[in-house]
């Protein structure tokens, strides 16, 4: 699955658990975690969709957060777990989802650039945008917050894949959805940076 599908599904599933558990979520962190398994693309020694996509590894890494934050950590775990258990498990390339118990690859056979996968990603994107607007989460993203800097990671992934065409690029049908997410993330980061600069100028004037 491409970045836009992971981002949309991570957000939607985190919102479901947020509502069910009656808790709140940090939106930039949700988007960050939705793509973090793909950090393996930046580490040459690690096989893509291998160890970083293992649900066993992801669960073990989350144990400290489960113990400390308890149910509040579940929306974030779902956001990261969907990357392998839903998004990439759909593809014909598959994932090593049960590593290290087995190095076998599991996948449902959807072609990454096939109509089925593109349809799933487009529908997920439209639902995510609708929920972002309906729940006022879009406005929350644009409120200055340090956590907005976490959006630099998904913004960079989109920039590299959708704009610069790295890692094979994205299908033309998914170009606009990727650019929409990129614009939202860049504006959210800019909102924080502008607020920081303004606050710094005010402090300077006081001195």
C-alpha atoms as a PDB file:
ATOM      1  CA  UNK A   1       0.000   0.000   0.000  1.00  0.00           C
ATOM      2  CA  UNK A   2       1.166   3.513  -0.735  1.00  0.00           C
ATOM      3  CA  UNK A   3       1.629   6.256   1.859  1.00  0.00           C
ATOM      4  CA  UNK A   4      -1.833   7.774   1.444  1.00  0.00           C
ATOM      5  CA  UNK A   5      -3.534   4.460   2.242  1.00  0.00           C
ATOM      6  CA  UNK A   6      -1.445   3.887   5.367  1.00  0.00           C
ATOM      7  CA  UNK A   7      -2.088   7.444   6.565  1.00  0.00           C
ATOM      8  CA  UNK A   8      -5.824   7.246   5.955  1.00  0.00           C
ATOM      9  CA  UNK A   9      -6.296   3.814   7.533  1.00  0.00           C
ATOM     10  CA  UNK A  10      -4.073   4.667  10.490  1.00  0.00           C
ATOM     11  CA  UNK A  11      -6.094   7.794  11.191  1.00  0.00           C
ATOM     12  CA  UNK A  12      -9.499   6.138  10.718  1.00  0.00           C
ATOM     13  CA  UNK A  13      -8.715   3.138  12.919  1.00  0.00           C
ATOM     14  CA  UNK A  14      -7.184   5.339  15.609  1.00  0.00           C
ATOM     15  CA  UNK A  15     -10.378   7.422  15.620  1.00  0.00           C
ATOM     16  CA  UNK A  16     -12.511   4.286  16.024  1.00  0.00           C
ATOM     17  CA  UNK A  17     -10.493   3.230  19.077  1.00  0.00           C
ATOM     18  CA  UNK A  18     -10.463   6.793  20.389  1.00  0.00           C
ATOM     19  CA  UNK A  19     -14.243   6.865  20.347  1.00  0.00           C
ATOM     20  CA  UNK A  20     -14.588   3.340  21.765  1.00  0.00           C
ATOM     21  CA  UNK A  21     -12.138   3.987  24.618  1.00  0.00           C
ATOM     22  CA  UNK A  22     -13.368   7.552  25.204  1.00  0.00           C
ATOM     23  CA  UNK A  23      -9.832   8.900  25.098  1.00  0.00           C
ATOM     24  CA  UNK A  24      -8.039  11.493  22.995  1.00  0.00           C
ATOM     25  CA  UNK A  25      -5.267  11.170  20.442  1.00  0.00           C
ATOM     26  CA  UNK A  26      -2.363  13.261  19.288  1.00  0.00           C
ATOM     27  CA  UNK A  27      -3.057  13.526  15.572  1.00  0.00           C
ATOM     28  CA  UNK A  28       0.506  14.217  14.358  1.00  0.00           C
ATOM     29  CA  UNK A  29       1.691  11.189  16.357  1.00  0.00           C
ATOM     30  CA  UNK A  30      -1.012   9.017  14.758  1.00  0.00           C
ATOM     31  CA  UNK A  31       0.076  10.024  11.253  1.00  0.00           C
ATOM     32  CA  UNK A  32       3.734   9.569  12.191  1.00  0.00           C
ATOM     33  CA  UNK A  33       3.152   6.042  13.517  1.00  0.00           C
ATOM     34  CA  UNK A  34       1.017   5.105  10.520  1.00  0.00           C
ATOM     35  CA  UNK A  35       4.124   5.302   8.319  1.00  0.00           C
ATOM     36  CA  UNK A  36       6.947   4.545  10.756  1.00  0.00           C
ATOM     37  CA  UNK A  37       7.328   0.846   9.727  1.00  0.00           C
ATOM     38  CA  UNK A  38       8.573   2.125   6.360  1.00  0.00           C
ATOM     39  CA  UNK A  39      11.627   3.565   8.090  1.00  0.00           C
ATOM     40  CA  UNK A  40      13.241   0.347   6.839  1.00  0.00           C
ATOM     41  CA  UNK A  41      13.453   2.031   3.430  1.00  0.00           C
ATOM     42  CA  UNK A  42      16.043   4.377   4.929  1.00  0.00           C
ATOM     43  CA  UNK A  43      18.167   1.578   6.425  1.00  0.00           C
ATOM     44  CA  UNK A  44      20.017  -0.397   3.718  1.00  0.00           C
ATOM     45  CA  UNK A  45      20.813  -3.322   6.034  1.00  0.00           C
ATOM     46  CA  UNK A  46      17.129  -4.024   6.755  1.00  0.00           C
ATOM     47  CA  UNK A  47      14.848  -5.826   4.322  1.00  0.00           C
ATOM     48  CA  UNK A  48      11.767  -3.814   3.345  1.00  0.00           C
ATOM     49  CA  UNK A  49       8.574  -5.182   4.929  1.00  0.00           C
ATOM     50  CA  UNK A  50      10.602  -7.481   7.136  1.00  0.00           C
ATOM     51  CA  UNK A  51      11.443  -6.890  10.799  1.00  0.00           C
ATOM     52  CA  UNK A  52       9.894  -3.411  10.993  1.00  0.00           C
ATOM     53  CA  UNK A  53       6.587  -4.828   9.726  1.00  0.00           C
ATOM     54  CA  UNK A  54       6.432  -7.763  12.142  1.00  0.00           C
ATOM     55  CA  UNK A  55       3.412  -7.537  14.422  1.00  0.00           C
ATOM     56  CA  UNK A  56       5.436  -9.447  17.017  1.00  0.00           C
ATOM     57  CA  UNK A  57       8.222  -6.855  16.980  1.00  0.00           C
ATOM     58  CA  UNK A  58       5.766  -3.953  16.991  1.00  0.00           C
ATOM     59  CA  UNK A  59       3.867  -5.433  19.926  1.00  0.00           C
ATOM     60  CA  UNK A  60       7.053  -5.979  21.938  1.00  0.00           C
ATOM     61  CA  UNK A  61       8.135  -2.393  21.284  1.00  0.00           C
ATOM     62  CA  UNK A  62       4.774  -1.138  22.510  1.00  0.00           C
ATOM     63  CA  UNK A  63       4.748  -3.111  25.786  1.00  0.00           C
ATOM     64  CA  UNK A  64       6.294  -0.235  27.819  1.00  0.00           C
ATOM     65  CA  UNK A  65       3.629   2.103  26.455  1.00  0.00           C
ATOM     66  CA  UNK A  66       0.859  -0.394  27.248  1.00  0.00           C
ATOM     67  CA  UNK A  67       2.126  -0.641  30.828  1.00  0.00           C
ATOM     68  CA  UNK A  68       2.519   3.093  31.363  1.00  0.00           C
ATOM     69  CA  UNK A  69      -0.287   4.646  29.308  1.00  0.00           C
ATOM     70  CA  UNK A  70      -2.618   1.615  29.433  1.00  0.00           C
ATOM     71  CA  UNK A  71      -5.709   1.982  27.209  1.00  0.00           C
ATOM     72  CA  UNK A  72      -4.611   5.416  25.992  1.00  0.00           C
ATOM     73  CA  UNK A  73      -1.841   3.735  23.993  1.00  0.00           C
ATOM     74  CA  UNK A  74      -4.208   1.480  22.011  1.00  0.00           C
ATOM     75  CA  UNK A  75      -5.168   3.999  19.281  1.00  0.00           C
ATOM     76  CA  UNK A  76      -1.467   4.537  18.589  1.00  0.00           C
ATOM     77  CA  UNK A  77      -0.748   0.818  18.504  1.00  0.00           C
ATOM     78  CA  UNK A  78      -3.606   0.318  16.055  1.00  0.00           C
ATOM     79  CA  UNK A  79      -2.255   3.153  13.900  1.00  0.00           C
ATOM     80  CA  UNK A  80       1.143   1.469  13.582  1.00  0.00           C
ATOM     81  CA  UNK A  81      -0.128  -2.133  13.451  1.00  0.00           C
ATOM     82  CA  UNK A  82      -2.508  -1.480  10.549  1.00  0.00           C
ATOM     83  CA  UNK A  83       0.478  -0.683   8.361  1.00  0.00           C
ATOM     84  CA  UNK A  84       1.441  -4.354   8.248  1.00  0.00           C
ATOM     85  CA  UNK A  85      -1.767  -6.150   9.261  1.00  0.00           C
ATOM     86  CA  UNK A  86      -4.020  -4.296   6.813  1.00  0.00           C
ATOM     87  CA  UNK A  87      -2.178  -2.095   4.335  1.00  0.00           C
ATOM     88  CA  UNK A  88       0.773  -4.215   3.274  1.00  0.00           C
ATOM     89  CA  UNK A  89      -0.880  -7.560   3.978  1.00  0.00           C
ATOM     90  CA  UNK A  90      -3.253  -6.783   1.103  1.00  0.00           C
ATOM     91  CA  UNK A  91      -0.438  -6.713  -1.434  1.00  0.00           C
ATOM     92  CA  UNK A  92       1.046  -9.491  -3.521  1.00  0.00           C
ATOM     93  CA  UNK A  93       4.505  -8.594  -2.193  1.00  0.00           C
ATOM     94  CA  UNK A  94       3.306  -9.369   1.328  1.00  0.00           C
ATOM     95  CA  UNK A  95       5.065  -8.889   4.682  1.00  0.00           C
ATOM     96  CA  UNK A  96       7.055 -10.935   7.183  1.00  0.00           C
ATOM     97  CA  UNK A  97       4.311 -10.273   9.689  1.00  0.00           C
ATOM     98  CA  UNK A  98       5.268 -13.110  12.060  1.00  0.00           C
ATOM     99  CA  UNK A  99       9.042 -12.588  12.122  1.00  0.00           C
ATOM    100  CA  UNK A 100      11.026 -13.980  14.020  1.00  0.00           C
ATOM    101  CA  UNK A 101       8.717 -16.985  14.485  1.00  0.00           C
ATOM    102  CA  UNK A 102       8.858 -17.461  10.731  1.00  0.00           C
ATOM    103  CA  UNK A 103      10.490 -15.617   7.860  1.00  0.00           C
ATOM    104  CA  UNK A 104       7.581 -16.547   5.577  1.00  0.00           C
ATOM    105  CA  UNK A 105       5.879 -13.791   3.579  1.00  0.00           C
ATOM    106  CA  UNK A 106       2.125 -13.314   3.888  1.00  0.00           C
ATOM    107  CA  UNK A 107      -0.018 -11.359   1.416  1.00  0.00           C
ATOM    108  CA  UNK A 108      -3.516 -11.361  -0.084  1.00  0.00           C
ATOM    109  CA  UNK A 109      -2.318 -10.832  -3.641  1.00  0.00           C
ATOM    110  CA  UNK A 110      -3.490  -7.303  -4.480  1.00  0.00           C
ATOM    111  CA  UNK A 111      -1.276  -5.684  -7.105  1.00  0.00           C
ATOM    112  CA  UNK A 112       0.116  -2.434  -5.695  1.00  0.00           C
ATOM    113  CA  UNK A 113      -0.823  -0.576  -8.863  1.00  0.00           C
ATOM    114  CA  UNK A 114      -3.913  -2.655  -9.527  1.00  0.00           C
ATOM    115  CA  UNK A 115      -7.443  -1.256  -9.487  1.00  0.00           C
ATOM    116  CA  UNK A 116      -8.384  -3.095  -6.255  1.00  0.00           C
ATOM    117  CA  UNK A 117      -5.570  -1.581  -4.196  1.00  0.00           C
ATOM    118  CA  UNK A 118      -5.987   1.882  -5.717  1.00  0.00           C
ATOM    119  CA  UNK A 119      -9.731   1.749  -5.003  1.00  0.00           C
ATOM    120  CA  UNK A 120      -9.130   0.806  -1.353  1.00  0.00           C
ATOM    121  CA  UNK A 121      -6.671   3.662  -0.959  1.00  0.00           C
ATOM    122  CA  UNK A 122      -8.940   6.230  -2.673  1.00  0.00           C
ATOM    123  CA  UNK A 123     -11.950   5.243  -0.563  1.00  0.00           C
ATOM    124  CA  UNK A 124      -9.852   5.293   2.621  1.00  0.00           C
ATOM    125  CA  UNK A 125      -8.522   8.740   1.700  1.00  0.00           C
ATOM    126  CA  UNK A 126     -11.998  10.180   1.054  1.00  0.00           C
ATOM    127  CA  UNK A 127     -13.293   8.755   4.339  1.00  0.00           C
ATOM    128  CA  UNK A 128     -10.309  10.140   6.223  1.00  0.00           C
ATOM    129  CA  UNK A 129     -10.777  13.629   4.773  1.00  0.00           C
ATOM    130  CA  UNK A 130     -14.502  13.502   5.578  1.00  0.00           C
ATOM    131  CA  UNK A 131     -13.802  12.516   9.192  1.00  0.00           C
ATOM    132  CA  UNK A 132     -11.044  15.119   9.515  1.00  0.00           C
ATOM    133  CA  UNK A 133     -13.500  17.832   8.485  1.00  0.00           C
ATOM    134  CA  UNK A 134     -16.567  16.432  10.301  1.00  0.00           C
ATOM    135  CA  UNK A 135     -14.774  16.047  13.650  1.00  0.00           C
ATOM    136  CA  UNK A 136     -12.874  19.350  13.342  1.00  0.00           C
ATOM    137  CA  UNK A 137      -9.596  17.413  13.473  1.00  0.00           C
ATOM    138  CA  UNK A 138      -8.402  19.394  10.466  1.00  0.00           C
ATOM    139  CA  UNK A 139      -8.639  22.585  12.487  1.00  0.00           C
ATOM    140  CA  UNK A 140      -6.842  20.914  15.392  1.00  0.00           C
ATOM    141  CA  UNK A 141      -3.961  20.004  13.100  1.00  0.00           C
ATOM    142  CA  UNK A 142      -3.499  23.659  12.189  1.00  0.00           C
ATOM    143  CA  UNK A 143      -3.284  24.832  15.805  1.00  0.00           C
ATOM    144  CA  UNK A 144       0.372  25.549  16.711  1.00  0.00           C
ATOM    145  CA  UNK A 145       1.842  22.560  18.547  1.00  0.00           C
ATOM    146  CA  UNK A 146       5.329  21.112  18.946  1.00  0.00           C
ATOM    147  CA  UNK A 147       3.983  17.710  17.979  1.00  0.00           C
ATOM    148  CA  UNK A 148       3.315  19.103  14.495  1.00  0.00           C
ATOM    149  CA  UNK A 149       7.022  18.575  13.829  1.00  0.00           C
ATOM    150  CA  UNK A 150       6.302  14.820  13.780  1.00  0.00           C
ATOM    151  CA  UNK A 151       4.505  15.440  10.501  1.00  0.00           C
ATOM    152  CA  UNK A 152       7.878  16.144   8.885  1.00  0.00           C
ATOM    153  CA  UNK A 153       8.367  12.385   8.521  1.00  0.00           C
ATOM    154  CA  UNK A 154       5.161  11.559   6.596  1.00  0.00           C
ATOM    155  CA  UNK A 155       5.564  14.790   4.621  1.00  0.00           C
ATOM    156  CA  UNK A 156       9.079  13.689   3.621  1.00  0.00           C
ATOM    157  CA  UNK A 157       7.856  10.235   2.596  1.00  0.00           C
ATOM    158  CA  UNK A 158       5.167  11.772   0.400  1.00  0.00           C
ATOM    159  CA  UNK A 159       7.617  14.278  -1.052  1.00  0.00           C
ATOM    160  CA  UNK A 160      10.090  11.550  -1.976  1.00  0.00           C
ATOM    161  CA  UNK A 161       7.568   9.101  -3.418  1.00  0.00           C
ATOM    162  CA  UNK A 162       4.807  11.233  -4.934  1.00  0.00           C
ATOM    163  CA  UNK A 163       6.722  14.362  -5.932  1.00  0.00           C
ATOM    164  CA  UNK A 164      10.266  13.137  -6.622  1.00  0.00           C
ATOM    165  CA  UNK A 165       9.218   9.686  -7.812  1.00  0.00           C
ATOM    166  CA  UNK A 166      11.523   7.736  -5.499  1.00  0.00           C
ATOM    167  CA  UNK A 167      10.836   4.038  -4.682  1.00  0.00           C
ATOM    168  CA  UNK A 168       8.883   3.708  -7.922  1.00  0.00           C
ATOM    169  CA  UNK A 169       6.645   6.716  -7.370  1.00  0.00           C
ATOM    170  CA  UNK A 170       2.871   6.517  -6.990  1.00  0.00           C
ATOM    171  CA  UNK A 171       0.091   5.823  -9.536  1.00  0.00           C
ATOM    172  CA  UNK A 172      -1.351   8.939 -11.140  1.00  0.00           C
ATOM    173  CA  UNK A 173      -4.732   8.132  -9.562  1.00  0.00           C
ATOM    174  CA  UNK A 174      -3.204   8.540  -6.110  1.00  0.00           C
ATOM    175  CA  UNK A 175      -1.122  11.618  -6.858  1.00  0.00           C
ATOM    176  CA  UNK A 176      -3.758  14.165  -5.787  1.00  0.00           C
ATOM    177  CA  UNK A 177      -4.585  12.366  -2.494  1.00  0.00           C
ATOM    178  CA  UNK A 178      -0.871  12.307  -1.654  1.00  0.00           C
ATOM    179  CA  UNK A 179      -0.535  16.011  -2.446  1.00  0.00           C
ATOM    180  CA  UNK A 180      -3.566  16.838  -0.284  1.00  0.00           C
ATOM    181  CA  UNK A 181      -1.997  15.103   2.712  1.00  0.00           C
ATOM    182  CA  UNK A 182       1.324  16.796   1.937  1.00  0.00           C
ATOM    183  CA  UNK A 183      -0.344  20.225   1.882  1.00  0.00           C
ATOM    184  CA  UNK A 184      -2.109  19.549   5.198  1.00  0.00           C
ATOM    185  CA  UNK A 185       1.116  18.426   6.873  1.00  0.00           C
ATOM    186  CA  UNK A 186       3.176  21.329   5.532  1.00  0.00           C
ATOM    187  CA  UNK A 187       0.556  23.862   6.633  1.00  0.00           C
ATOM    188  CA  UNK A 188       0.404  22.279  10.100  1.00  0.00           C
ATOM    189  CA  UNK A 189       4.194  22.465  10.453  1.00  0.00           C
ATOM    190  CA  UNK A 190       4.223  26.040   9.117  1.00  0.00           C
ATOM    191  CA  UNK A 191       1.529  27.019  11.627  1.00  0.00           C
ATOM    192  CA  UNK A 192       3.714  25.874  14.515  1.00  0.00           C
ATOM    193  CA  UNK A 193       6.864  27.483  13.127  1.00  0.00           C
ATOM    194  CA  UNK A 194       5.113  30.817  12.552  1.00  0.00           C
ATOM    195  CA  UNK A 195       3.702  30.718  16.068  1.00  0.00           C
ATOM    196  CA  UNK A 196       7.156  29.945  17.444  1.00  0.00           C
ATOM    197  CA  UNK A 197       8.738  32.831  15.518  1.00  0.00           C
ATOM    198  CA  UNK A 198       6.032  35.251  16.672  1.00  0.00           C
ATOM    199  CA  UNK A 199       6.434  34.201  20.285  1.00  0.00           C
ATOM    200  CA  UNK A 200      10.217  34.579  20.006  1.00  0.00           C
ATOM    201  CA  UNK A 201       9.867  38.084  18.551  1.00  0.00           C
ATOM    202  CA  UNK A 202       7.551  39.074  21.377  1.00  0.00           C
ATOM    203  CA  UNK A 203      10.096  37.832  23.924  1.00  0.00           C
ATOM    204  CA  UNK A 204      12.875  39.747  22.169  1.00  0.00           C
ATOM    205  CA  UNK A 205      10.834  42.958  22.263  1.00  0.00           C
ATOM    206  CA  UNK A 206      10.204  42.493  25.986  1.00  0.00           C
ATOM    207  CA  UNK A 207      13.918  42.216  26.618  1.00  0.00           C
END
